[in-house]
Amino acid sequence: MPDGKGGTLAGLAYLGCAALAGFSPAHANDCSPAPTTVTGQMRIVETRHPDGTPIRAFVVFIEGGACVSIEGVDGEPEDVVLRDVHLAPKDGEAAGWSEVVGKEVTMQGRLGLPFTAWHVGSSMMFDATIAAVHASSDE
């Protein structure tokens, strides 16, 4: 529809969209490479799978969260803010994890993206092991 000044509303809308294009979200690989360790508070998260089965997962909650680029199931990188990392333990490694719930830990493993309804959190850590348990300032 003409606006009486030689332009059209559609043209103005196009210019507005073009101007906003500079504000689009970051693309994959704009963040740091995925680390092999994460540090945060170990917690247990209890939820339910869509089929109703209970899920009980060890999750490290990271204060502040950093943006990292993680390879997805399809091999393509995806940028994710690490906030809550669902831990998939290396065989036999989870035996003592209940003892460190509520403590700050450093976990070592391979970061990946959640890819099933069984996964909770912003990311997964596969073959996870405890690298360190940090003393709290209260001790």
Protein backbone atom coordinates (compact mmCIF):
# COMPACT_ATOMS: atom_id res chain seq x y z
CA MET A 1 0.00 0.00 0.00
CA PRO A 2 1.54 3.36 -1.01
CA ASP A 3 2.40 5.71 1.82
CA GLY A 4 2.14 8.89 -0.28
CA LYS A 5 5.91 9.54 -0.29
CA GLY A 6 6.93 7.24 -3.14
CA GLY A 7 7.59 4.21 -0.87
CA THR A 8 5.46 1.40 0.35
CA LEU A 9 4.75 -0.10 3.72
CA ALA A 10 6.13 -3.38 2.39
CA GLY A 11 9.40 -1.63 1.57
CA LEU A 12 9.59 -0.21 5.09
CA ALA A 13 8.89 -3.64 6.55
CA TYR A 14 11.71 -5.10 4.40
CA LEU A 15 14.14 -2.44 5.63
CA GLY A 16 13.10 -3.10 9.22
CA CYS A 17 13.74 -6.82 8.81
CA ALA A 18 17.09 -6.15 7.14
CA ALA A 19 18.12 -3.90 10.03
CA LEU A 20 17.16 -6.57 12.56
CA ALA A 21 19.22 -9.22 10.76
CA GLY A 22 22.30 -7.89 12.56
CA PHE A 23 20.69 -8.86 15.86
CA SER A 24 20.24 -12.55 15.03
CA PRO A 25 21.47 -15.13 17.56
CA ALA A 26 25.01 -16.48 17.41
CA HIS A 27 25.74 -19.30 15.01
CA ALA A 28 27.51 -22.51 15.97
CA ASN A 29 31.23 -22.13 16.58
CA ASP A 30 30.84 -18.59 17.93
CA CYS A 31 31.50 -19.98 21.43
CA SER A 32 34.51 -21.66 23.04
CA PRO A 33 35.30 -25.28 22.19
CA ALA A 34 33.73 -27.84 24.54
CA PRO A 35 35.92 -28.38 27.62
CA THR A 36 36.86 -31.84 28.92
CA THR A 37 36.10 -30.79 32.50
CA VAL A 38 33.23 -28.92 34.15
CA THR A 39 33.02 -27.62 37.71
CA GLY A 40 29.83 -27.05 39.67
CA GLN A 41 27.53 -28.41 42.34
CA MET A 42 26.60 -32.09 42.07
CA ARG A 43 22.86 -32.67 42.49
CA ILE A 44 20.34 -35.40 41.85
CA VAL A 45 17.50 -34.44 39.52
CA GLU A 46 14.31 -36.47 39.63
CA THR A 47 11.81 -36.14 36.80
CA ARG A 48 9.68 -38.35 34.55
CA HIS A 49 10.11 -39.63 31.04
CA PRO A 50 7.14 -38.77 28.77
CA ASP A 51 6.02 -42.41 29.14
CA GLY A 52 5.75 -41.90 32.92
CA THR A 53 8.88 -43.82 33.96
CA PRO A 54 10.81 -42.03 36.75
CA ILE A 55 14.23 -40.62 35.88
CA ARG A 56 16.88 -40.05 38.55
CA ALA A 57 20.02 -38.38 37.20
CA PHE A 58 23.26 -36.97 38.54
CA VAL A 59 23.62 -33.41 37.25
CA VAL A 60 26.32 -30.80 37.76
CA PHE A 61 24.92 -27.27 38.02
CA ILE A 62 27.34 -24.62 36.79
CA GLU A 63 27.04 -21.10 38.15
CA GLY A 64 27.10 -18.43 35.47
CA GLY A 65 27.23 -20.88 32.56
CA ALA A 66 29.65 -20.45 29.67
CA CYS A 67 28.81 -20.66 25.98
CA VAL A 68 30.49 -23.67 24.37
CA SER A 69 30.26 -25.31 20.97
CA ILE A 70 29.31 -29.00 21.27
CA GLU A 71 29.10 -31.54 18.46
CA GLY A 72 25.56 -32.82 18.01
CA VAL A 73 24.41 -36.33 17.10
CA ASP A 74 24.48 -35.34 13.42
CA GLY A 75 28.11 -34.22 13.74
CA GLU A 76 27.26 -30.53 13.38
CA PRO A 77 28.39 -28.16 16.16
CA GLU A 78 25.80 -26.35 18.23
CA ASP A 79 26.35 -23.51 20.69
CA VAL A 80 25.02 -24.21 24.18
CA VAL A 81 25.19 -22.35 27.48
CA LEU A 82 26.40 -24.86 30.07
CA ARG A 83 24.11 -24.61 33.08
CA ASP A 84 23.17 -28.16 34.02
CA VAL A 85 25.22 -31.10 32.75
CA HIS A 86 23.61 -34.56 32.94
CA LEU A 87 26.33 -37.08 33.81
CA ALA A 88 26.56 -40.46 32.08
CA PRO A 89 29.21 -42.25 34.16
CA LYS A 90 32.11 -44.23 32.84
CA ASP A 91 31.52 -47.91 33.66
CA GLY A 92 31.73 -48.47 37.42
CA GLU A 93 32.40 -44.80 38.21
CA ALA A 94 29.08 -43.77 39.80
CA ALA A 95 29.45 -45.87 42.95
CA GLY A 96 30.58 -42.97 45.19
CA TRP A 97 28.71 -40.15 43.52
CA SER A 98 25.90 -40.08 46.11
CA GLU A 99 28.49 -39.12 48.73
CA VAL A 100 29.34 -35.88 46.89
CA VAL A 101 25.79 -34.68 46.22
CA GLY A 102 25.60 -31.04 47.32
CA LYS A 103 29.36 -30.53 46.98
CA GLU A 104 31.30 -28.70 44.32
CA VAL A 105 33.00 -31.15 41.99
CA THR A 106 35.07 -31.11 38.84
CA MET A 107 33.92 -33.78 36.40
CA GLN A 108 35.93 -35.04 33.47
CA GLY A 109 34.50 -36.59 30.30
CA ARG A 110 33.19 -35.87 26.81
CA LEU A 111 30.47 -33.25 26.39
CA GLY A 112 27.58 -33.94 24.04
CA LEU A 113 24.04 -32.77 23.47
CA PRO A 114 20.98 -34.46 25.00
CA PHE A 115 19.40 -36.62 22.31
CA THR A 116 16.66 -38.65 24.01
CA ALA A 117 13.83 -37.98 26.45
CA TRP A 118 15.93 -39.80 29.08
CA HIS A 119 18.46 -36.96 29.09
CA VAL A 120 18.00 -33.94 31.33
CA GLY A 121 20.02 -30.73 31.31
CA SER A 122 21.52 -28.37 28.75
CA SER A 123 24.17 -30.94 27.85
CA MET A 124 25.47 -34.41 28.62
CA MET A 125 28.86 -35.56 29.82
CA PHE A 126 29.63 -39.06 28.61
CA ASP A 127 32.19 -41.37 30.29
CA ALA A 128 32.10 -38.98 33.25
CA THR A 129 34.47 -39.40 36.17
CA ILE A 130 35.12 -37.28 39.25
CA ALA A 131 38.36 -35.37 38.75
CA ALA A 132 38.15 -33.47 42.06
CA VAL A 133 35.86 -32.80 45.01
CA HIS A 134 36.35 -29.25 46.30
CA ALA A 135 36.27 -28.34 49.97
CA SER A 136 33.51 -25.90 50.82
CA SER A 137 34.32 -22.61 52.52
CA ASP A 138 32.27 -23.89 55.52
CA GLU A 139 34.72 -26.70 56.28
